[in-house]
Amino acid sequence: MKKSIEGVELESLEVSGLGLATKGLAVVHPLFGSGKIVAFFALPNGMKTIGVEFESCGYKALVPEYAKLTLQGPAGA
């Protein structure tokens, strides 16, 4: 379930390891597994977050600098 985050929703975000990330991008996290980016937020304190809907555990809001996201390869790769 997506929780409410107070901040400004962004359309894209430059993320280390991904480049310019956009909504719908398929990613992999070392602990949470495969997921898709569903949102980006700029918070009032200047911090930015990435909202990812993971197949195994649902929605997580992650800090881009620490998220360790990588691009998901093609199916069967």
Protein backbone atom coordinates (compact mmCIF):
# COMPACT_ATOMS: atom_id res chain seq x y z
CA MET A 1 0.00 0.00 0.00
CA LYS A 2 1.40 3.38 -1.02
CA LYS A 3 1.68 5.72 1.94
CA SER A 4 1.27 9.47 1.69
CA ILE A 5 4.52 11.42 1.49
CA GLU A 6 4.51 15.17 1.99
CA GLY A 7 6.58 16.68 -0.78
CA VAL A 8 6.61 17.57 -4.43
CA GLU A 9 6.22 14.67 -6.86
CA LEU A 10 8.87 14.66 -9.60
CA GLU A 11 8.65 13.13 -13.10
CA SER A 12 12.24 11.81 -13.13
CA LEU A 13 15.42 11.80 -11.06
CA GLU A 14 19.12 11.32 -11.72
CA VAL A 15 20.11 8.21 -9.74
CA SER A 16 23.62 6.80 -9.29
CA GLY A 17 23.85 3.45 -11.07
CA LEU A 18 20.69 4.08 -13.13
CA GLY A 19 21.23 7.43 -14.80
CA LEU A 20 18.07 9.44 -15.46
CA ALA A 21 15.35 7.26 -13.89
CA THR A 22 11.71 7.60 -14.90
CA LYS A 23 8.46 6.09 -13.66
CA GLY A 24 7.91 2.54 -14.88
CA LEU A 25 11.62 1.68 -14.97
CA ALA A 26 12.23 -1.96 -13.95
CA VAL A 27 14.87 -2.20 -11.21
CA VAL A 28 16.42 -4.72 -8.84
CA HIS A 29 17.32 -4.16 -5.17
CA PRO A 30 19.75 -6.55 -3.40
CA LEU A 31 17.30 -7.29 -0.56
CA PHE A 32 13.81 -6.53 -1.94
CA GLY A 33 14.32 -8.04 -5.44
CA SER A 34 12.57 -6.91 -8.62
CA GLY A 35 10.29 -3.92 -8.81
CA LYS A 36 9.16 -0.90 -10.80
CA ILE A 37 9.67 2.76 -9.99
CA VAL A 38 6.28 4.37 -9.38
CA ALA A 39 7.17 7.79 -7.93
CA PHE A 40 9.85 10.34 -7.06
CA PHE A 41 9.50 12.96 -4.33
CA ALA A 42 11.41 16.08 -3.30
CA LEU A 43 10.80 16.51 0.43
CA PRO A 44 10.64 19.85 2.28
CA ASN A 45 14.03 19.16 3.94
CA GLY A 46 15.73 18.89 0.51
CA MET A 47 15.95 15.10 0.54
CA LYS A 48 14.67 13.10 -2.42
CA THR A 49 13.06 9.64 -2.38
CA ILE A 50 12.20 6.99 -4.94
CA GLY A 51 8.97 5.02 -4.59
CA VAL A 52 9.34 1.44 -5.82
CA GLU A 53 6.63 -1.23 -5.97
CA PHE A 54 8.46 -4.52 -5.36
CA GLU A 55 7.02 -7.89 -6.43
CA SER A 56 7.98 -9.56 -3.13
CA CYS A 57 7.17 -6.93 -0.51
CA GLY A 58 5.09 -4.11 -1.97
CA TYR A 59 5.81 -0.38 -1.89
CA LYS A 60 9.03 1.02 -0.41
CA ALA A 61 10.25 4.63 -0.35
CA LEU A 62 14.03 4.62 -0.76
CA VAL A 63 16.76 7.26 -0.53
CA PRO A 64 18.50 7.26 -3.94
CA GLU A 65 22.02 7.63 -2.53
CA TYR A 66 21.66 4.43 -0.49
CA ALA A 67 19.15 2.38 -2.51
CA LYS A 68 21.69 0.30 -4.51
CA LEU A 69 19.21 -0.13 -7.34
CA THR A 70 20.32 -1.63 -10.65
CA LEU A 71 18.50 -1.98 -13.94
CA GLN A 72 16.56 -5.19 -14.37
CA GLY A 73 17.87 -7.20 -17.30
CA PRO A 74 15.68 -8.72 -20.01
CA ALA A 75 13.57 -11.72 -19.01
CA GLY A 76 15.53 -14.94 -19.20
CA ALA A 77 18.90 -13.17 -19.04
